[in-house]
Amino acid sequence: MGVFLAEDLSENPLEADDDEFLSVEKIPAREAIQMAERGDMPDAKSLAALLMVRPYLKETK
C-alpha cells in the first residue's frame, strides 16, 4: 500500500468499473484527526495514513 498527500485537487469523476463500489466522504483534516484521537476511525489504513501526515498538516495550517 502506498500513501501520498495531494493538495489543490479538482473533482473529475470517471465512470466506475462494474466491480468497483466506492463512496467518498469528505471530512476536514482537523475533524479526521479528532476522530482518530477518539478512536472513531475503524479503518487502520486510513488511520495510519492520517497519523503519518499529521505533522505536515500542523506545519501548513
Protein backbone atom coordinates (compact mmCIF):
# COMPACT_ATOMS: atom_id res chain seq x y z
CA MET A 1 0.00 0.00 0.00
CA GLY A 2 1.25 3.47 -0.82
CA VAL A 3 0.34 6.69 0.97
CA PHE A 4 0.56 10.16 -0.53
CA LEU A 5 -0.75 13.63 0.19
CA ALA A 6 -2.32 15.57 -2.67
CA GLU A 7 -3.38 19.20 -2.46
CA ASP A 8 -5.40 21.60 -4.61
CA LEU A 9 -7.26 18.82 -6.41
CA SER A 10 -10.32 19.24 -8.55
CA GLU A 11 -13.14 16.75 -8.97
CA ASN A 12 -13.35 14.97 -12.31
CA PRO A 13 -15.48 11.87 -11.77
CA LEU A 14 -14.97 8.94 -14.09
CA GLU A 15 -17.35 6.07 -14.66
CA ALA A 16 -16.69 3.27 -12.16
CA ASP A 17 -15.80 -0.26 -13.20
CA ASP A 18 -18.60 -2.83 -12.92
CA ASP A 19 -16.99 -4.37 -9.82
CA GLU A 20 -15.96 -1.06 -8.21
CA PHE A 21 -18.04 0.12 -5.28
CA LEU A 22 -16.64 3.26 -3.67
CA SER A 23 -18.21 6.00 -1.66
CA VAL A 24 -16.41 9.24 -0.88
CA GLU A 25 -16.96 11.07 2.37
CA LYS A 26 -15.21 14.43 2.56
CA ILE A 27 -14.04 15.22 6.10
CA PRO A 28 -11.90 18.23 7.05
CA ALA A 29 -8.41 17.18 8.20
CA ARG A 30 -8.91 18.62 11.68
CA GLU A 31 -12.13 16.63 12.14
CA ALA A 32 -10.48 13.44 10.85
CA ILE A 33 -7.65 13.86 13.37
CA GLN A 34 -10.20 14.32 16.16
CA MET A 35 -11.98 11.15 15.01
CA ALA A 36 -8.67 9.27 15.14
CA GLU A 37 -7.90 10.58 18.62
CA ARG A 38 -11.34 9.47 19.86
CA GLY A 39 -10.95 6.03 18.32
CA ASP A 40 -13.80 6.66 15.88
CA MET A 41 -11.84 5.66 12.77
CA PRO A 42 -12.25 1.90 12.27
CA ASP A 43 -10.08 1.60 9.14
CA ALA A 44 -6.45 1.01 10.17
CA LYS A 45 -5.02 2.04 6.77
CA SER A 46 -6.77 5.42 6.88
CA LEU A 47 -5.76 5.91 10.49
CA ALA A 48 -2.11 5.16 9.74
CA ALA A 49 -2.08 7.50 6.72
CA LEU A 50 -3.72 10.30 8.69
CA LEU A 51 -1.29 9.99 11.58
CA MET A 52 1.65 9.98 9.14
CA VAL A 53 0.52 13.26 7.55
CA ARG A 54 -0.50 14.92 10.84
CA PRO A 55 2.86 16.73 11.41
CA TYR A 56 2.68 18.19 7.88
CA LEU A 57 -0.87 19.41 8.43
CA LYS A 58 0.20 21.17 11.64
CA GLU A 59 3.06 22.93 9.80
CA THR A 60 0.90 24.20 6.95
CA LYS A 61 -2.12 25.42 8.93
